[in-house]
N, C-alpha and C. Protein backbone atom coordinates (compact mmCIF):
# COMPACT_ATOMS: atom_id res chain seq x y z
N MET A 1 87.92 73.96 119.82
CA MET A 1 88.23 73.71 118.56
C MET A 1 86.88 73.56 117.90
N LYS A 2 85.61 72.69 118.62
CA LYS A 2 84.24 72.52 117.59
C LYS A 2 83.42 73.43 117.76
N HIS A 3 83.54 74.69 119.10
CA HIS A 3 82.86 75.74 119.04
C HIS A 3 83.32 76.66 118.14
N ARG A 4 84.84 77.03 117.74
CA ARG A 4 84.89 77.60 116.53
C ARG A 4 84.39 77.20 115.42
N TYR A 5 84.48 75.93 114.94
CA TYR A 5 83.42 75.48 113.71
C TYR A 5 81.77 75.79 113.68
N VAL A 6 81.52 75.44 115.05
CA VAL A 6 79.99 76.18 115.13
C VAL A 6 79.82 77.48 114.50
N PHE A 7 80.83 78.31 115.80
CA PHE A 7 80.84 79.67 115.62
C PHE A 7 80.64 79.70 113.79
N LEU A 8 81.49 79.29 113.08
CA LEU A 8 81.52 80.28 111.92
C LEU A 8 80.33 79.28 111.27
N ILE A 9 80.23 77.86 111.13
CA ILE A 9 78.73 77.78 110.46
C ILE A 9 77.78 79.02 111.15
N LEU A 10 77.47 78.78 112.25
CA LEU A 10 76.26 80.22 112.51
C LEU A 10 76.66 81.00 111.85
N VAL A 11 77.57 82.16 112.13
CA VAL A 11 77.75 82.78 110.91
C VAL A 11 77.47 82.90 109.66
N LEU A 12 78.16 82.01 108.72
CA LEU A 12 77.88 81.81 107.67
C LEU A 12 76.43 81.54 107.51
N THR A 13 75.91 80.58 108.61
CA THR A 13 74.46 80.50 108.23
C THR A 13 73.56 81.63 107.85
N VAL A 14 73.76 82.72 109.19
CA VAL A 14 73.00 83.81 109.40
C VAL A 14 73.15 84.44 107.83
N PHE A 15 74.60 84.79 107.14
CA PHE A 15 74.46 85.74 106.29
C PHE A 15 73.87 85.12 104.74
N VAL A 16 73.86 83.71 104.79
CA VAL A 16 72.91 83.19 103.83
C VAL A 16 71.48 83.62 104.09
N LEU A 17 70.91 83.11 105.06
CA LEU A 17 69.76 83.46 105.19
C LEU A 17 69.17 84.98 105.19
N ALA A 18 70.10 85.64 105.39
CA ALA A 18 69.83 87.41 105.48
C ALA A 18 69.93 87.12 103.69
N GLY A 19 70.55 87.29 103.42
CA GLY A 19 70.22 87.22 101.99
C GLY A 19 69.65 86.99 100.84
N CYS A 20 68.74 85.54 101.28
CA CYS A 20 67.55 84.65 101.15
C CYS A 20 66.59 85.51 101.24
N GLY A 21 66.03 86.20 102.18
CA GLY A 21 64.68 86.87 102.92
C GLY A 21 64.45 88.09 102.10
N ALA A 22 64.44 88.53 100.95
CA ALA A 22 64.14 89.78 101.03
C ALA A 22 63.96 89.91 99.31
N GLU A 23 63.14 90.42 98.47
CA GLU A 23 63.14 90.83 97.44
C GLU A 23 63.75 91.56 96.66
N PRO A 24 64.19 91.09 95.77
CA PRO A 24 65.06 92.35 94.78
C PRO A 24 64.21 93.70 94.56
N ALA A 25 64.63 94.72 94.76
CA ALA A 25 63.58 96.16 94.25
C ALA A 25 63.75 96.25 92.54
N PRO A 26 62.68 96.82 92.55
CA PRO A 26 62.82 96.51 91.00
C PRO A 26 63.53 97.45 90.29
N ASN A 27 64.04 97.39 89.14
CA ASN A 27 65.48 98.08 88.62
C ASN A 27 64.41 99.58 88.14
N THR A 28 65.22 100.43 88.38
CA THR A 28 64.56 102.08 88.04
C THR A 28 65.36 102.34 86.80
N THR A 29 64.70 103.29 86.06
CA THR A 29 65.34 103.37 85.02
C THR A 29 66.37 105.27 84.72
N THR A 30 66.13 105.69 86.04
CA THR A 30 66.66 106.84 86.39
C THR A 30 67.73 106.72 87.70
N PRO A 31 69.04 107.40 87.12
CA PRO A 31 69.70 106.75 88.14
C PRO A 31 69.39 107.79 89.42
N PRO A 32 69.95 107.23 90.54
CA PRO A 32 70.02 107.97 91.78
C PRO A 32 70.82 109.22 91.53
N ALA A 33 70.43 110.25 92.44
CA ALA A 33 71.02 111.74 92.44
C ALA A 33 72.42 111.36 93.17
N ASN A 34 73.39 112.31 92.46
CA ASN A 34 74.88 112.32 93.29
C ASN A 34 74.48 112.89 94.49
N THR A 35 74.80 112.87 95.78
CA THR A 35 74.64 113.13 97.27
C THR A 35 76.06 113.78 97.38
N GLY A 36 76.86 113.68 96.93
CA GLY A 36 78.42 113.86 97.51
C GLY A 36 78.90 113.13 98.63
N THR A 37 78.18 112.05 98.97
CA THR A 37 78.68 111.22 99.83
C THR A 37 79.47 110.05 99.23
N SER A 38 80.72 109.30 99.51
CA SER A 38 81.11 108.01 99.51
C SER A 38 80.61 106.93 99.63
N SER A 39 80.82 106.07 99.05
CA SER A 39 80.70 104.82 99.28
C SER A 39 80.92 104.01 100.21
N PRO A 40 81.07 102.79 100.37
CA PRO A 40 81.67 102.38 101.45
C PRO A 40 82.82 101.64 100.45
N ASP A 41 84.01 101.55 100.62
CA ASP A 41 84.43 101.01 100.40
C ASP A 41 85.08 99.37 100.26
N ALA A 42 83.73 98.91 100.94
CA ALA A 42 83.73 97.40 100.68
C ALA A 42 82.87 96.73 101.62
N TYR A 43 81.94 95.66 100.81
CA TYR A 43 81.29 94.83 101.25
C TYR A 43 81.94 93.74 101.72
N SER A 44 81.84 93.37 102.72
CA SER A 44 82.35 91.64 103.19
C SER A 44 81.70 90.78 104.17
N THR A 45 82.01 89.61 104.54
CA THR A 45 81.93 89.44 105.46
C THR A 45 82.84 88.60 106.47
N PRO A 46 82.68 87.97 107.61
CA PRO A 46 83.40 88.03 108.84
C PRO A 46 84.78 87.41 108.33
N SER A 47 85.63 87.65 109.19
CA SER A 47 87.02 87.30 109.21
C SER A 47 87.00 86.41 110.46
N MET A 48 87.66 85.01 110.38
CA MET A 48 87.62 84.29 112.05
C MET A 48 89.42 84.44 112.13
N VAL A 49 90.21 85.30 112.92
CA VAL A 49 90.86 85.41 112.96
C VAL A 49 92.13 84.96 114.08
N THR A 50 92.80 84.13 114.01
CA THR A 50 93.65 83.36 115.03
C THR A 50 95.23 83.73 114.95
N ASP A 51 96.01 84.57 113.97
CA ASP A 51 97.01 85.40 114.21
C ASP A 51 97.34 86.64 113.67
N GLU A 52 98.50 87.34 114.31
CA GLU A 52 98.52 88.64 113.92
C GLU A 52 98.88 89.01 112.37
N ALA A 53 98.85 88.47 111.16
CA ALA A 53 98.90 88.83 109.89
C ALA A 53 97.53 88.29 109.94
N GLY A 54 96.47 87.74 110.02
CA GLY A 54 95.32 87.33 109.41
C GLY A 54 94.64 89.15 110.43
N PHE A 55 94.64 88.85 111.52
CA PHE A 55 94.23 90.60 112.11
C PHE A 55 94.55 91.83 111.66
N GLU A 56 95.97 91.63 111.66
CA GLU A 56 96.33 93.20 110.59
C GLU A 56 95.91 93.03 109.00
N HIS A 57 95.55 92.21 108.60
CA HIS A 57 94.72 92.23 106.80
C HIS A 57 93.34 92.89 107.53
N ALA A 58 92.57 92.08 108.51
CA ALA A 58 91.38 92.34 108.43
C ALA A 58 91.36 93.64 109.04
N ILE A 59 91.65 94.45 109.84
CA ILE A 59 91.66 95.63 110.15
C ILE A 59 91.61 96.81 109.25
N SER A 60 92.69 96.33 107.57
CA SER A 60 93.05 97.31 107.20
C SER A 60 91.58 97.89 106.38
N LYS A 61 92.06 98.85 105.41
CA LYS A 61 91.25 99.09 104.56
C LYS A 61 90.71 98.31 103.31
N ASP A 62 91.47 97.07 103.46
CA ASP A 62 90.97 96.17 101.67
C ASP A 62 90.74 95.23 102.93
N GLY A 63 89.79 95.00 104.47
CA GLY A 63 89.96 94.11 105.06
C GLY A 63 88.42 93.75 105.28
N VAL A 64 88.05 93.69 106.37
CA VAL A 64 86.40 93.60 106.53
C VAL A 64 85.44 93.83 107.52
N TRP A 65 84.46 93.92 107.72
CA TRP A 65 83.88 94.66 108.52
C TRP A 65 83.48 94.01 109.85
N ILE A 66 83.66 92.66 109.81
CA ILE A 66 83.64 92.09 111.08
C ILE A 66 84.80 91.44 111.51
N ILE A 67 85.54 91.30 112.59
CA ILE A 67 86.96 90.49 112.36
C ILE A 67 86.38 89.83 114.08
N CYS A 68 86.57 88.70 114.16
CA CYS A 68 86.23 87.77 115.28
C CYS A 68 87.70 87.34 115.31
N LEU A 69 88.01 87.33 116.98
CA LEU A 69 89.41 86.79 117.32
C LEU A 69 88.59 85.32 117.72
N LEU A 70 89.76 84.45 117.85
CA LEU A 70 89.75 83.39 118.11
C LEU A 70 90.57 82.72 119.32
N ASN A 71 91.43 83.49 119.44
CA ASN A 71 92.25 83.45 120.71
C ASN A 71 92.94 84.88 121.05
N ASP A 72 93.45 84.96 122.00
CA ASP A 72 93.93 86.05 122.48
C ASP A 72 95.21 86.58 121.50
N LEU A 73 95.38 87.43 121.07
CA LEU A 73 96.15 88.05 120.07
C LEU A 73 97.30 89.39 121.00
N THR A 74 98.72 89.61 120.62
CA THR A 74 99.59 90.35 121.59
C THR A 74 100.12 91.16 120.08
N PHE A 75 100.46 92.59 119.95
CA PHE A 75 101.35 93.32 119.08
C PHE A 75 102.45 94.02 120.02
N ASP A 76 103.53 94.33 119.09
CA ASP A 76 104.47 94.93 119.71
C ASP A 76 104.22 96.55 119.05
N LYS A 77 103.34 97.04 118.20
CA LYS A 77 103.54 97.73 117.73
C LYS A 77 102.06 98.29 117.30
N GLU A 78 101.84 99.78 116.97
CA GLU A 78 100.77 100.38 116.57
C GLU A 78 100.06 99.96 115.47
N LEU A 79 98.84 100.15 115.45
CA LEU A 79 98.09 99.36 114.15
C LEU A 79 97.32 100.46 113.99
N VAL A 80 95.66 100.49 113.10
CA VAL A 80 95.13 100.88 112.57
C VAL A 80 93.55 100.55 112.12
N LEU A 81 92.81 100.98 112.50
CA LEU A 81 91.11 100.36 112.38
C LEU A 81 91.02 101.52 111.08
N ASP A 82 90.53 100.68 109.77
CA ASP A 82 90.70 101.80 108.12
C ASP A 82 89.65 101.51 107.51
N GLY A 83 89.11 102.08 106.53
CA GLY A 83 88.35 102.12 105.64
C GLY A 83 86.69 101.87 106.55
N GLU A 84 85.84 102.17 105.26
CA GLU A 84 84.47 102.21 105.53
C GLU A 84 84.12 100.89 104.86
N PHE A 85 83.20 100.41 105.48
CA PHE A 85 82.45 99.41 105.65
C PHE A 85 81.11 98.79 105.88
N SER A 86 80.42 98.14 104.82
CA SER A 86 78.76 97.94 105.41
C SER A 86 79.25 96.78 105.50
N ASN A 87 77.88 96.39 106.88
CA ASN A 87 77.36 95.39 107.33
C ASN A 87 76.25 93.99 106.29
N GLY A 88 76.01 94.97 105.13
CA GLY A 88 75.63 94.10 104.48
C GLY A 88 73.81 94.44 104.29
N ARG A 89 73.48 95.22 105.74
CA ARG A 89 71.96 95.65 105.52
C ARG A 89 71.87 97.09 105.20
N LYS A 90 70.61 97.78 104.85
CA LYS A 90 69.96 98.43 104.31
C LYS A 90 69.31 99.60 105.37
N ASP A 91 69.49 101.14 105.61
CA ASP A 91 68.68 101.63 106.38
C ASP A 91 67.24 101.93 106.21
N ASP A 92 66.52 102.62 106.74
CA ASP A 92 65.09 102.42 106.06
C ASP A 92 65.16 103.61 104.97
N ASN A 93 65.92 104.61 104.77
CA ASN A 93 66.17 105.31 103.08
C ASN A 93 66.88 104.56 102.44
N GLY A 94 66.84 103.22 102.49
CA GLY A 94 67.95 102.10 101.57
C GLY A 94 69.57 102.27 101.26
N ASN A 95 69.95 102.90 102.19
CA ASN A 95 71.74 103.14 102.40
C ASN A 95 72.21 102.32 103.31
N ASP A 96 73.23 102.19 102.43
CA ASP A 96 73.65 101.00 103.17
C ASP A 96 74.52 101.25 104.79
N ILE A 97 74.36 100.81 105.95
CA ILE A 97 74.24 100.74 106.90
C ILE A 97 76.33 100.60 106.99
N LEU A 98 76.68 101.39 107.66
CA LEU A 98 78.28 101.52 107.63
C LEU A 98 78.58 100.91 109.21
N GLN A 99 79.37 99.75 109.42
CA GLN A 99 79.76 99.54 110.69
C GLN A 99 81.43 98.38 110.76
N ARG A 100 81.60 98.75 111.51
CA ARG A 100 83.01 98.07 111.93
C ARG A 100 82.87 97.28 113.22
N LYS A 101 83.37 96.27 113.03
CA LYS A 101 82.73 95.54 114.69
C LYS A 101 84.53 94.36 114.81
N ILE A 102 85.34 94.66 116.03
CA ILE A 102 86.41 93.50 116.24
C ILE A 102 85.24 92.75 117.57
N ALA A 103 85.27 91.62 117.18
CA ALA A 103 84.76 90.89 118.02
C ALA A 103 85.52 90.05 118.70
N LEU A 104 85.58 90.34 120.48
CA LEU A 104 86.39 89.48 121.51
C LEU A 104 86.44 88.57 122.08
N TYR A 105 85.30 87.62 121.36
CA TYR A 105 84.27 86.52 121.56
C TYR A 105 84.28 85.63 120.80
N GLU A 106 83.59 84.45 121.22
CA GLU A 106 83.22 83.77 120.65
C GLU A 106 81.32 83.41 121.07
N GLN A 107 80.84 82.56 120.17
CA GLN A 107 79.35 82.38 120.49
C GLN A 107 78.53 81.22 120.34
N ASP A 108 77.73 80.67 120.78
CA ASP A 108 77.11 79.32 120.24
C ASP A 108 75.71 79.64 119.09
N SER A 109 75.42 78.75 119.41
CA SER A 109 74.04 79.06 118.23
C SER A 109 73.23 79.59 118.85
N ASN A 110 72.88 79.81 120.06
CA ASN A 110 71.98 80.92 120.82
C ASN A 110 72.53 81.68 121.32
N ARG A 111 73.73 82.35 120.43
CA ARG A 111 74.32 83.95 120.75
C ARG A 111 74.82 83.78 122.29
N ASN A 112 74.96 82.98 123.18
CA ASN A 112 75.30 82.82 124.27
C ASN A 112 77.12 83.12 123.97
N ILE A 113 77.54 83.85 124.65
CA ILE A 113 79.11 84.03 124.69
C ILE A 113 79.74 82.60 125.49
N THR A 114 80.57 82.07 124.49
CA THR A 114 81.03 80.71 124.91
C THR A 114 82.50 81.06 125.30
N ALA A 115 83.45 81.84 125.03
CA ALA A 115 84.59 82.43 124.88
C ALA A 115 85.20 84.00 124.82
N ARG A 116 85.94 84.38 125.95
CA ARG A 116 86.03 85.45 125.75
C ARG A 116 87.73 86.04 125.41
N TYR A 117 88.24 86.93 124.39
CA TYR A 117 89.65 87.14 124.15
C TYR A 117 90.31 88.27 124.90
N THR A 118 91.41 88.35 124.56
CA THR A 118 92.28 89.82 125.46
C THR A 118 92.84 89.98 123.89
N LEU A 119 93.00 91.14 123.13
CA LEU A 119 93.52 91.98 122.22
C LEU A 119 94.62 92.95 122.79
N THR A 120 96.01 92.60 122.95
CA THR A 120 97.00 93.32 123.57
C THR A 120 97.61 94.45 122.09
N ILE A 121 97.72 96.07 122.42
CA ILE A 121 97.99 96.49 121.00
C ILE A 121 98.52 97.85 122.22
N PRO A 122 99.98 98.31 121.77
CA PRO A 122 100.24 99.42 122.56
C PRO A 122 99.09 100.68 121.97
N LYS A 123 98.95 100.64 121.01
CA LYS A 123 98.20 101.84 120.34
C LYS A 123 97.33 101.58 119.04
N LEU A 124 95.77 101.39 119.13
CA LEU A 124 94.94 101.49 117.94
C LEU A 124 94.84 102.21 117.99
N THR A 125 94.68 102.76 116.60
CA THR A 125 93.85 103.91 115.90
C THR A 125 92.67 103.55 115.33
N ILE A 126 91.55 104.30 115.46
CA ILE A 126 90.35 103.85 114.69
C ILE A 126 90.04 105.02 113.98
N ASN A 127 89.71 104.75 112.69
CA ASN A 127 89.37 105.86 111.66
C ASN A 127 88.54 105.50 110.56
N SER A 128 87.47 104.05 111.64
CA SER A 128 86.16 104.10 110.53
C SER A 128 85.20 104.07 111.36
N PRO A 129 84.08 104.91 110.59
CA PRO A 129 83.25 105.04 110.91
C PRO A 129 82.12 103.92 111.88
N ASN A 130 81.48 104.35 112.70
CA ASN A 130 80.64 103.36 113.71
C ASN A 130 81.21 101.98 114.07
N ALA A 131 82.71 101.96 114.17
CA ALA A 131 82.68 100.68 114.89
C ALA A 131 82.98 100.63 116.10
N SER A 132 83.38 99.52 116.67
CA SER A 132 82.91 99.01 118.11
C SER A 132 84.26 98.00 118.18
N ILE A 133 84.16 97.45 119.38
CA ILE A 133 85.07 96.72 120.09
C ILE A 133 84.27 95.83 121.33
N GLN A 134 83.56 94.58 121.21
CA GLN A 134 82.77 93.99 121.90
C GLN A 134 83.58 92.76 122.44
N HIS A 135 82.86 92.68 123.82
CA HIS A 135 82.79 91.29 124.37
C HIS A 135 84.06 90.69 125.32
N GLY A 136 84.97 91.69 125.51
CA GLY A 136 86.32 91.17 125.84
C GLY A 136 87.22 92.22 126.63
N THR A 137 88.20 91.73 126.83
CA THR A 137 89.30 93.04 126.79
C THR A 137 90.29 93.53 126.14
N PHE A 138 90.88 94.39 125.93
CA PHE A 138 91.48 95.26 125.16
C PHE A 138 92.93 96.10 125.58
N LYS A 139 93.92 95.57 125.75
CA LYS A 139 95.23 96.16 126.67
C LYS A 139 95.97 97.32 125.72
N GLY A 140 95.93 98.48 126.14
CA GLY A 140 96.63 99.48 125.11
C GLY A 140 95.41 101.05 125.59
N ASP A 141 95.99 101.40 124.05
CA ASP A 141 95.40 103.11 124.27
C ASP A 141 94.93 103.10 122.94
N LEU A 142 93.47 103.50 123.13
CA LEU A 142 92.77 104.05 121.98
C LEU A 142 92.84 104.99 121.38
N TYR A 143 92.85 105.55 120.00
CA TYR A 143 92.89 106.84 119.86
C TYR A 143 92.05 106.72 118.33
N VAL A 144 90.49 107.57 118.95
CA VAL A 144 89.59 107.57 118.21
C VAL A 144 89.68 108.53 116.84
N ASN A 145 89.08 108.59 115.86
CA ASN A 145 89.16 110.04 114.74
C ASN A 145 88.63 109.71 113.93
N ALA A 146 86.90 108.66 114.07
CA ALA A 146 85.99 108.58 113.47
C ALA A 146 84.92 108.34 114.40
N PRO A 147 83.54 108.91 114.16
CA PRO A 147 82.30 109.21 114.99
C PRO A 147 81.99 107.86 115.42
N ASN A 148 80.81 107.90 116.23
CA ASN A 148 80.23 106.50 116.82
C ASN A 148 80.87 105.42 116.95
N PHE A 149 82.15 105.62 118.08
CA PHE A 149 82.83 104.73 118.10
C PHE A 149 82.10 104.07 119.74
N GLN A 150 82.17 102.99 119.49
CA GLN A 150 81.58 102.08 120.55
C GLN A 150 82.25 101.29 121.09
N LEU A 151 82.01 101.20 122.98
CA LEU A 151 82.10 99.54 123.53
C LEU A 151 81.42 98.79 124.05
N VAL A 152 81.22 97.74 123.68
CA VAL A 152 80.08 96.72 124.19
C VAL A 152 80.53 95.59 125.43
N ASP A 153 80.30 95.51 125.93
CA ASP A 153 80.65 94.64 127.47
C ASP A 153 82.18 94.45 127.22
N THR A 154 82.77 95.63 127.38
CA THR A 154 84.61 95.42 126.74
C THR A 154 85.21 96.27 128.20
N THR A 155 86.33 95.58 128.50
CA THR A 155 87.62 96.58 129.57
C THR A 155 88.49 96.82 128.79
N VAL A 156 88.63 98.67 128.42
CA VAL A 156 89.76 99.08 128.14
C VAL A 156 90.52 99.18 129.56
N GLU A 157 92.10 98.55 129.39
CA GLU A 157 93.21 98.59 130.15
C GLU A 157 93.88 99.66 129.40
N GLY A 158 93.94 101.07 129.85
CA GLY A 158 94.39 101.99 129.12
C GLY A 158 93.35 103.28 128.72
N ASN A 159 94.02 104.19 128.21
CA ASN A 159 93.30 105.49 127.76
C ASN A 159 92.31 105.46 126.26
N VAL A 160 91.75 106.19 126.30
CA VAL A 160 90.45 106.60 124.90
C VAL A 160 91.04 107.62 125.00
N TYR A 161 91.74 108.39 123.64
CA TYR A 161 91.95 109.67 123.30
C TYR A 161 90.57 109.62 122.39
N PHE A 162 90.33 111.25 122.08
CA PHE A 162 89.42 111.20 120.40
C PHE A 162 90.10 112.38 120.03
N ALA A 163 89.78 112.25 118.56
CA ALA A 163 90.52 113.79 117.90
C ALA A 163 89.76 114.96 117.95
N SER A 164 88.49 114.94 118.42
CA SER A 164 87.42 116.14 118.60
C SER A 164 86.58 115.91 119.75
N GLU A 165 86.09 117.19 119.82
CA GLU A 165 85.12 117.09 121.05
C GLU A 165 83.99 116.31 120.54
N GLU A 166 83.58 116.42 119.41
CA GLU A 166 82.59 115.92 118.41
C GLU A 166 82.50 114.52 118.35
N ILE A 167 83.75 114.20 117.92
CA ILE A 167 83.91 112.41 118.12
C ILE A 167 83.42 111.78 119.91
N LYS A 168 84.28 113.00 120.61
CA LYS A 168 83.84 112.07 121.83
C LYS A 168 82.69 112.05 122.11
N ASN A 169 81.66 113.26 121.84
CA ASN A 169 80.37 113.11 122.35
C ASN A 169 79.62 112.11 121.23
N SER A 170 79.92 111.67 120.34
CA SER A 170 79.31 110.60 119.28
C SER A 170 79.70 109.35 120.13
N PHE A 171 80.42 109.25 120.97
CA PHE A 171 80.64 107.95 121.92
C PHE A 171 80.32 107.23 122.82
N THR A 172 80.07 105.92 123.10
CA THR A 172 79.46 105.61 124.06
C THR A 172 79.41 104.11 123.87
N MET A 173 79.14 103.66 125.46
CA MET A 173 79.92 102.33 125.99
C MET A 173 78.79 102.00 126.72
N ASP A 174 78.31 100.58 126.83
CA ASP A 174 77.27 100.06 127.72
C ASP A 174 77.69 100.44 129.27
N ASP A 175 76.68 99.78 129.75
CA ASP A 175 77.21 99.53 131.84
C ASP A 175 78.12 98.56 131.72
N ASP A 176 78.25 97.56 130.94
CA ASP A 176 79.31 96.51 131.61
C ASP A 176 80.66 96.97 130.81
N SER A 177 80.88 98.23 130.35
CA SER A 177 82.17 98.10 129.56
C SER A 177 83.08 99.33 130.80
N LYS A 178 84.25 99.37 130.63
CA LYS A 178 85.35 100.18 132.01
C LYS A 178 86.08 100.18 130.94
N ILE A 179 86.44 101.41 131.27
CA ILE A 179 88.17 102.01 130.49
C ILE A 179 88.66 102.56 132.26
N SER A 180 89.97 101.98 132.18
CA SER A 180 90.29 101.85 133.52
C SER A 180 91.86 103.16 133.00
N GLY A 181 91.93 104.05 132.20
CA GLY A 181 92.50 104.97 132.16
C GLY A 181 91.79 106.37 132.26
N GLU A 182 92.19 107.16 131.18
CA GLU A 182 91.26 108.34 130.80
C GLU A 182 90.86 108.44 129.68
N GLN A 183 89.79 109.44 129.80
CA GLN A 183 89.13 109.55 128.37
C GLN A 183 88.75 111.25 128.05
N LYS A 184 89.55 111.37 127.11
CA LYS A 184 90.06 112.58 126.65
C LYS A 184 90.18 112.94 125.12
N VAL A 185 89.97 114.23 124.90
CA VAL A 185 90.67 114.80 123.86
C VAL A 185 91.84 115.20 123.69
N GLN A 186 92.28 114.81 122.86
CA GLN A 186 93.98 115.32 122.35
C GLN A 186 93.97 115.42 121.03
């Protein structure tokens, strides 16, 4: 229980310090040109999840950019990771960085992983761009409909299906990640 509070305090401290670090940009008198691209659905902070209802809300289009599990979770229904979220940072051009993360772990103040969790869902559909699942075990099949999906130090006990060859080609996983089933376009 102590680790959970330390982790929560650490995450909140990082966000407070990140917000205090930069000087605001001066106001401009001309509005930026409309590029035709949509803006993120939401800007949000992490959600610490301990139950099924909290997880379902956190992954919805009304949820948050980072979903942190604090224990194993099991579902007997299909779920969808939906929406576009900014992680609160900007790229070199000043645009919001879109990201979505399912964190299957806890860490200490030195960012050492202190606990890993298992998320069991028969079918999880990934509709959020730049989404990742990190540092734990996912049991079930992943259906990836958005580009730049990542696995980081994650074991998938199931299959990973991609909506197109382009989406499959944008997928990455590190050397510590494993997929027990097949990876294919479907």
